[in-house]
Amino acid sequence: MFVTEEKDGKLTAAQRFVTLGPKRGDQVAILKGVAEGDTVITSGQIKIQNGSAIAVNNSVVPDNKATPAPSDH
């Protein structure tokens, strides 16, 4: 997983290794590896690597459903 990190006044990606816990629907507990207040990168992970420059765009918010169901699309 990647989080954002500020270096020399620029926002970059920082890779973190995490320990996962219990799952419930779309939610997964992270037991180790991320601190409270860290900004987790939720899209574009396949295009970045440790130290990549990051531009934050919060216009799309991922679903957070405890009981997800298939969509009718």
PDB file of N, CA and C in Angstrom:
ATOM      1  N   MET A   1       0.849  -1.156   0.000  1.00  0.00           N
ATOM      2  CA  MET A   1       0.000   0.000   0.000  1.00  0.00           C
ATOM      3  C   MET A   1       0.893   1.217   0.000  1.00  0.00           C
ATOM      4  N   PHE A   2       0.331   2.332  -0.473  1.00  0.00           N
ATOM      5  CA  PHE A   2       1.077   3.585  -0.499  1.00  0.00           C
ATOM      6  C   PHE A   2       0.338   4.658   0.292  1.00  0.00           C
ATOM      7  N   VAL A   3       1.106   5.516   0.933  1.00  0.00           N
ATOM      8  CA  VAL A   3       0.576   6.692   1.618  1.00  0.00           C
ATOM      9  C   VAL A   3       1.307   7.905   1.052  1.00  0.00           C
ATOM     10  N   THR A   4       0.778   9.094   1.319  1.00  0.00           N
ATOM     11  CA  THR A   4       1.467  10.302   0.871  1.00  0.00           C
ATOM     12  C   THR A   4       2.469  10.738   1.933  1.00  0.00           C
ATOM     13  N   GLU A   5       3.526  11.368   1.465  1.00  0.00           N
ATOM     14  CA  GLU A   5       4.579  11.851   2.363  1.00  0.00           C
ATOM     15  C   GLU A   5       5.126  13.149   1.772  1.00  0.00           C
ATOM     16  N   GLU A   6       5.379  14.122   2.612  1.00  0.00           N
ATOM     17  CA  GLU A   6       5.931  15.394   2.117  1.00  0.00           C
ATOM     18  C   GLU A   6       7.446  15.393   2.275  1.00  0.00           C
ATOM     19  N   LYS A   7       8.134  15.648   1.144  1.00  0.00           N
ATOM     20  CA  LYS A   7       9.596  15.732   1.143  1.00  0.00           C
ATOM     21  C   LYS A   7      10.002  16.964   0.367  1.00  0.00           C
ATOM     22  N   ASP A   8      10.770  17.816   0.985  1.00  0.00           N
ATOM     23  CA  ASP A   8      11.255  19.040   0.336  1.00  0.00           C
ATOM     24  C   ASP A   8      10.108  19.865  -0.261  1.00  0.00           C
ATOM     25  N   GLY A   9       8.986  19.906   0.445  1.00  0.00           N
ATOM     26  CA  GLY A   9       7.839  20.687  -0.004  1.00  0.00           C
ATOM     27  C   GLY A   9       7.027  20.045  -1.114  1.00  0.00           C
ATOM     28  N   LYS A  10       7.352  18.798  -1.487  1.00  0.00           N
ATOM     29  CA  LYS A  10       6.624  18.095  -2.544  1.00  0.00           C
ATOM     30  C   LYS A  10       5.951  16.861  -1.963  1.00  0.00           C
ATOM     31  N   LEU A  11       4.780  16.527  -2.500  1.00  0.00           N
ATOM     32  CA  LEU A  11       4.032  15.366  -2.062  1.00  0.00           C
ATOM     33  C   LEU A  11       4.488  14.155  -2.868  1.00  0.00           C
ATOM     34  N   THR A  12       4.916  13.097  -2.164  1.00  0.00           N
ATOM     35  CA  THR A  12       5.393  11.886  -2.825  1.00  0.00           C
ATOM     36  C   THR A  12       4.710  10.657  -2.241  1.00  0.00           C
ATOM     37  N   ALA A  13       4.849   9.532  -2.947  1.00  0.00           N
ATOM     38  CA  ALA A  13       4.302   8.261  -2.481  1.00  0.00           C
ATOM     39  C   ALA A  13       5.333   7.555  -1.617  1.00  0.00           C
ATOM     40  N   ALA A  14       4.877   6.975  -0.522  1.00  0.00           N
ATOM     41  CA  ALA A  14       5.739   6.197   0.361  1.00  0.00           C
ATOM     42  C   ALA A  14       5.106   4.818   0.541  1.00  0.00           C
ATOM     43  N   GLN A  15       5.839   3.776   0.166  1.00  0.00           N
ATOM     44  CA  GLN A  15       5.306   2.424   0.280  1.00  0.00           C
ATOM     45  C   GLN A  15       5.317   1.980   1.726  1.00  0.00           C
ATOM     46  N   ARG A  16       4.239   1.328   2.138  1.00  0.00           N
ATOM     47  CA  ARG A  16       4.128   0.778   3.492  1.00  0.00           C
ATOM     48  C   ARG A  16       3.695  -0.679   3.395  1.00  0.00           C
ATOM     49  N   PHE A  17       4.283  -1.513   4.196  1.00  0.00           N
ATOM     50  CA  PHE A  17       3.866  -2.904   4.298  1.00  0.00           C
ATOM     51  C   PHE A  17       2.950  -3.000   5.505  1.00  0.00           C
ATOM     52  N   VAL A  18       1.784  -3.603   5.321  1.00  0.00           N
ATOM     53  CA  VAL A  18       0.766  -3.615   6.368  1.00  0.00           C
ATOM     54  C   VAL A  18       0.400  -5.037   6.764  1.00  0.00           C
ATOM     55  N   THR A  19      -0.151  -5.149   7.965  1.00  0.00           N
ATOM     56  CA  THR A  19      -0.722  -6.395   8.454  1.00  0.00           C
ATOM     57  C   THR A  19      -2.224  -6.222   8.472  1.00  0.00           C
ATOM     58  N   LEU A  20      -2.923  -7.091   7.717  1.00  0.00           N
ATOM     59  CA  LEU A  20      -4.382  -6.994   7.631  1.00  0.00           C
ATOM     60  C   LEU A  20      -5.046  -7.797   8.738  1.00  0.00           C
ATOM     61  N   GLY A  21      -6.225  -7.322   9.132  1.00  0.00           N
ATOM     62  CA  GLY A  21      -7.013  -7.992  10.158  1.00  0.00           C
ATOM     63  C   GLY A  21      -8.335  -8.466   9.582  1.00  0.00           C
ATOM     64  N   PRO A  22      -9.359  -8.511  10.411  1.00  0.00           N
ATOM     65  CA  PRO A  22     -10.669  -8.995   9.975  1.00  0.00           C
ATOM     66  C   PRO A  22     -11.262  -8.148   8.849  1.00  0.00           C
ATOM     67  N   LYS A  23     -12.115  -8.794   8.039  1.00  0.00           N
ATOM     68  CA  LYS A  23     -12.814  -8.126   6.935  1.00  0.00           C
ATOM     69  C   LYS A  23     -14.306  -8.108   7.225  1.00  0.00           C
ATOM     70  N   ARG A  24     -14.982  -7.055   6.729  1.00  0.00           N
ATOM     71  CA  ARG A  24     -16.437  -6.967   6.811  1.00  0.00           C
ATOM     72  C   ARG A  24     -16.896  -6.180   5.598  1.00  0.00           C
ATOM     73  N   GLY A  25     -17.504  -6.863   4.638  1.00  0.00           N
ATOM     74  CA  GLY A  25     -17.948  -6.191   3.419  1.00  0.00           C
ATOM     75  C   GLY A  25     -16.767  -5.580   2.687  1.00  0.00           C
ATOM     76  N   ASP A  26     -16.855  -4.292   2.383  1.00  0.00           N
ATOM     77  CA  ASP A  26     -15.792  -3.572   1.688  1.00  0.00           C
ATOM     78  C   ASP A  26     -14.694  -3.104   2.634  1.00  0.00           C
ATOM     79  N   GLN A  27     -14.808  -3.386   3.909  1.00  0.00           N
ATOM     80  CA  GLN A  27     -13.885  -2.870   4.913  1.00  0.00           C
ATOM     81  C   GLN A  27     -12.893  -3.945   5.357  1.00  0.00           C
ATOM     82  N   VAL A  28     -11.630  -3.546   5.527  1.00  0.00           N
ATOM     83  CA  VAL A  28     -10.583  -4.443   6.029  1.00  0.00           C
ATOM     84  C   VAL A  28      -9.822  -3.694   7.114  1.00  0.00           C
ATOM     85  N   ALA A  29      -9.665  -4.319   8.262  1.00  0.00           N
ATOM     86  CA  ALA A  29      -8.897  -3.699   9.346  1.00  0.00           C
ATOM     87  C   ALA A  29      -7.410  -3.780   9.020  1.00  0.00           C
ATOM     88  N   ILE A  30      -6.684  -2.693   9.260  1.00  0.00           N
ATOM     89  CA  ILE A  30      -5.232  -2.681   9.117  1.00  0.00           C
ATOM     90  C   ILE A  30      -4.654  -2.605  10.523  1.00  0.00           C
ATOM     91  N   LEU A  31      -3.957  -3.659  10.910  1.00  0.00           N
ATOM     92  CA  LEU A  31      -3.457  -3.772  12.275  1.00  0.00           C
ATOM     93  C   LEU A  31      -2.102  -3.097  12.474  1.00  0.00           C
ATOM     94  N   LYS A  32      -1.242  -3.124  11.445  1.00  0.00           N
ATOM     95  CA  LYS A  32       0.090  -2.521  11.538  1.00  0.00           C
ATOM     96  C   LYS A  32       0.471  -1.910  10.198  1.00  0.00           C
ATOM     97  N   GLY A  33       1.284  -0.864  10.253  1.00  0.00           N
ATOM     98  CA  GLY A  33       1.868  -0.310   9.039  1.00  0.00           C
ATOM     99  C   GLY A  33       1.367   1.059   8.636  1.00  0.00           C
ATOM    100  N   VAL A  34       0.229   1.492   9.163  1.00  0.00           N
ATOM    101  CA  VAL A  34      -0.324   2.806   8.850  1.00  0.00           C
ATOM    102  C   VAL A  34      -0.672   3.500  10.159  1.00  0.00           C
ATOM    103  N   ALA A  35      -0.305   4.753  10.266  1.00  0.00           N
ATOM    104  CA  ALA A  35      -0.591   5.516  11.482  1.00  0.00           C
ATOM    105  C   ALA A  35      -1.849   6.366  11.300  1.00  0.00           C
ATOM    106  N   GLU A  36      -2.489   6.689  12.389  1.00  0.00           N
ATOM    107  CA  GLU A  36      -3.645   7.574  12.347  1.00  0.00           C
ATOM    108  C   GLU A  36      -3.219   8.904  11.730  1.00  0.00           C
ATOM    109  N   GLY A  37      -4.010   9.391  10.791  1.00  0.00           N
ATOM    110  CA  GLY A  37      -3.711  10.655  10.123  1.00  0.00           C
ATOM    111  C   GLY A  37      -2.975  10.494   8.797  1.00  0.00           C
ATOM    112  N   ASP A  38      -2.447   9.281   8.505  1.00  0.00           N
ATOM    113  CA  ASP A  38      -1.806   9.054   7.215  1.00  0.00           C
ATOM    114  C   ASP A  38      -2.848   9.157   6.101  1.00  0.00           C
ATOM    115  N   THR A  39      -2.443   9.682   4.955  1.00  0.00           N
ATOM    116  CA  THR A  39      -3.312   9.733   3.784  1.00  0.00           C
ATOM    117  C   THR A  39      -2.968   8.554   2.894  1.00  0.00           C
ATOM    118  N   VAL A  40      -3.914   7.623   2.772  1.00  0.00           N
ATOM    119  CA  VAL A  40      -3.713   6.403   1.996  1.00  0.00           C
ATOM    120  C   VAL A  40      -4.091   6.662   0.544  1.00  0.00           C
ATOM    121  N   ILE A  41      -3.245   6.215  -0.377  1.00  0.00           N
ATOM    122  CA  ILE A  41      -3.523   6.357  -1.804  1.00  0.00           C
ATOM    123  C   ILE A  41      -4.418   5.192  -2.219  1.00  0.00           C
ATOM    124  N   THR A  42      -5.620   5.509  -2.725  1.00  0.00           N
ATOM    125  CA  THR A  42      -6.605   4.470  -3.030  1.00  0.00           C
ATOM    126  C   THR A  42      -6.771   4.186  -4.515  1.00  0.00           C
ATOM    127  N   SER A  43      -6.147   4.948  -5.381  1.00  0.00           N
ATOM    128  CA  SER A  43      -6.221   4.647  -6.815  1.00  0.00           C
ATOM    129  C   SER A  43      -4.902   4.995  -7.476  1.00  0.00           C
ATOM    130  N   GLY A  44      -4.618   4.321  -8.577  1.00  0.00           N
ATOM    131  CA  GLY A  44      -3.399   4.571  -9.324  1.00  0.00           C
ATOM    132  C   GLY A  44      -2.174   3.872  -8.772  1.00  0.00           C
ATOM    133  N   GLN A  45      -2.347   2.922  -7.826  1.00  0.00           N
ATOM    134  CA  GLN A  45      -1.196   2.269  -7.206  1.00  0.00           C
ATOM    135  C   GLN A  45      -0.323   1.538  -8.220  1.00  0.00           C
ATOM    136  N   ILE A  46      -0.920   1.037  -9.277  1.00  0.00           N
ATOM    137  CA  ILE A  46      -0.157   0.280 -10.271  1.00  0.00           C
ATOM    138  C   ILE A  46       0.788   1.190 -11.067  1.00  0.00           C
ATOM    139  N   LYS A  47       0.522   2.498 -11.046  1.00  0.00           N
ATOM    140  CA  LYS A  47       1.317   3.457 -11.820  1.00  0.00           C
ATOM    141  C   LYS A  47       2.413   4.136 -10.999  1.00  0.00           C
ATOM    142  N   ILE A  48       2.422   3.911  -9.687  1.00  0.00           N
ATOM    143  CA  ILE A  48       3.385   4.638  -8.851  1.00  0.00           C
ATOM    144  C   ILE A  48       4.390   3.697  -8.225  1.00  0.00           C
ATOM    145  N   GLN A  49       5.456   4.269  -7.747  1.00  0.00           N
ATOM    146  CA  GLN A  49       6.455   3.537  -6.984  1.00  0.00           C
ATOM    147  C   GLN A  49       6.918   4.422  -5.834  1.00  0.00           C
ATOM    148  N   ASN A  50       7.689   3.871  -4.953  1.00  0.00           N
ATOM    149  CA  ASN A  50       8.174   4.622  -3.808  1.00  0.00           C
ATOM    150  C   ASN A  50       8.898   5.879  -4.283  1.00  0.00           C
ATOM    151  N   GLY A  51       8.462   7.052  -3.809  1.00  0.00           N
ATOM    152  CA  GLY A  51       9.081   8.317  -4.175  1.00  0.00           C
ATOM    153  C   GLY A  51       8.434   9.031  -5.349  1.00  0.00           C
ATOM    154  N   SER A  52       7.422   8.428  -5.982  1.00  0.00           N
ATOM    155  CA  SER A  52       6.737   9.081  -7.104  1.00  0.00           C
ATOM    156  C   SER A  52       6.057  10.365  -6.651  1.00  0.00           C
ATOM    157  N   ALA A  53       6.050  11.367  -7.526  1.00  0.00           N
ATOM    158  CA  ALA A  53       5.321  12.609  -7.237  1.00  0.00           C
ATOM    159  C   ALA A  53       3.827  12.309  -7.244  1.00  0.00           C
ATOM    160  N   ILE A  54       3.091  12.949  -6.339  1.00  0.00           N
ATOM    161  CA  ILE A  54       1.658  12.685  -6.173  1.00  0.00           C
ATOM    162  C   ILE A  54       0.864  13.979  -6.304  1.00  0.00           C
ATOM    163  N   ALA A  55      -0.290  13.879  -6.986  1.00  0.00           N
ATOM    164  CA  ALA A  55      -1.263  14.967  -7.032  1.00  0.00           C
ATOM    165  C   ALA A  55      -2.552  14.420  -6.419  1.00  0.00           C
ATOM    166  N   VAL A  56      -3.039  15.044  -5.369  1.00  0.00           N
ATOM    167  CA  VAL A  56      -4.238  14.575  -4.674  1.00  0.00           C
ATOM    168  C   VAL A  56      -5.480  15.085  -5.386  1.00  0.00           C
ATOM    169  N   ASN A  57      -6.410  14.153  -5.667  1.00  0.00           N
ATOM    170  CA  ASN A  57      -7.689  14.480  -6.279  1.00  0.00           C
ATOM    171  C   ASN A  57      -8.760  13.721  -5.511  1.00  0.00           C
ATOM    172  N   ASN A  58      -9.458  14.409  -4.620  1.00  0.00           N
ATOM    173  CA  ASN A  58     -10.473  13.771  -3.792  1.00  0.00           C
ATOM    174  C   ASN A  58     -11.878  13.885  -4.365  1.00  0.00           C
ATOM    175  N   SER A  59     -12.004  14.041  -5.694  1.00  0.00           N
ATOM    176  CA  SER A  59     -13.328  14.193  -6.286  1.00  0.00           C
ATOM    177  C   SER A  59     -14.097  12.869  -6.329  1.00  0.00           C
ATOM    178  N   VAL A  60     -13.401  11.733  -6.287  1.00  0.00           N
ATOM    179  CA  VAL A  60     -14.055  10.429  -6.263  1.00  0.00           C
ATOM    180  C   VAL A  60     -13.759   9.787  -4.922  1.00  0.00           C
ATOM    181  N   VAL A  61     -14.801   9.399  -4.211  1.00  0.00           N
ATOM    182  CA  VAL A  61     -14.643   8.778  -2.899  1.00  0.00           C
ATOM    183  C   VAL A  61     -15.046   7.313  -3.023  1.00  0.00           C
ATOM    184  N   PRO A  62     -14.178   6.369  -2.606  1.00  0.00           N
ATOM    185  CA  PRO A  62     -14.533   4.955  -2.705  1.00  0.00           C
ATOM    186  C   PRO A  62     -15.695   4.606  -1.781  1.00  0.00           C
ATOM    187  N   ASP A  63     -16.471   3.581  -2.185  1.00  0.00           N
ATOM    188  CA  ASP A  63     -17.566   3.110  -1.345  1.00  0.00           C
ATOM    189  C   ASP A  63     -17.018   2.549  -0.043  1.00  0.00           C
ATOM    190  N   ASN A  64     -17.837   2.599   0.968  1.00  0.00           N
ATOM    191  CA  ASN A  64     -17.467   2.080   2.285  1.00  0.00           C
ATOM    192  C   ASN A  64     -18.681   1.366   2.848  1.00  0.00           C
ATOM    193  N   LYS A  65     -19.052   0.249   2.211  1.00  0.00           N
ATOM    194  CA  LYS A  65     -20.271  -0.452   2.593  1.00  0.00           C
ATOM    195  C   LYS A  65     -19.950  -1.679   3.453  1.00  0.00           C
ATOM    196  N   ALA A  66     -20.630  -1.787   4.570  1.00  0.00           N
ATOM    197  CA  ALA A  66     -20.446  -2.944   5.448  1.00  0.00           C
ATOM    198  C   ALA A  66     -21.106  -4.184   4.853  1.00  0.00           C
ATOM    199  N   THR A  67     -22.142  -3.990   4.032  1.00  0.00           N
ATOM    200  CA  THR A  67     -22.840  -5.102   3.394  1.00  0.00           C
ATOM    201  C   THR A  67     -23.029  -4.800   1.912  1.00  0.00           C
ATOM    202  N   PRO A  68     -21.977  -4.927   1.097  1.00  0.00           N
ATOM    203  CA  PRO A  68     -22.094  -4.592  -0.314  1.00  0.00           C
ATOM    204  C   PRO A  68     -22.971  -5.596  -1.061  1.00  0.00           C
ATOM    205  N   ALA A  69     -23.575  -5.131  -2.125  1.00  0.00           N
ATOM    206  CA  ALA A  69     -24.403  -5.985  -2.996  1.00  0.00           C
ATOM    207  C   ALA A  69     -24.006  -5.695  -4.445  1.00  0.00           C
ATOM    208  N   PRO A  70     -24.170  -6.687  -5.324  1.00  0.00           N
ATOM    209  CA  PRO A  70     -23.848  -6.431  -6.735  1.00  0.00           C
ATOM    210  C   PRO A  70     -24.696  -5.277  -7.276  1.00  0.00           C
ATOM    211  N   SER A  71     -24.071  -4.466  -8.112  1.00  0.00           N
ATOM    212  CA  SER A  71     -24.813  -3.341  -8.684  1.00  0.00           C
ATOM    213  C   SER A  71     -25.627  -3.813  -9.892  1.00  0.00           C
ATOM    214  N   ASP A  72     -26.591  -3.028 -10.272  1.00  0.00           N
ATOM    215  CA  ASP A  72     -27.472  -3.370 -11.397  1.00  0.00           C
ATOM    216  C   ASP A  72     -27.028  -2.707 -12.681  1.00  0.00           C
ATOM    217  N   HIS A  73     -25.759  -2.401 -12.831  1.00  0.00           N
ATOM    218  CA  HIS A  73     -25.269  -1.689 -14.024  1.00  0.00           C
ATOM    219  C   HIS A  73     -25.295  -2.562 -15.234  1.00  0.00           C
TER     220      HIS A  73
END
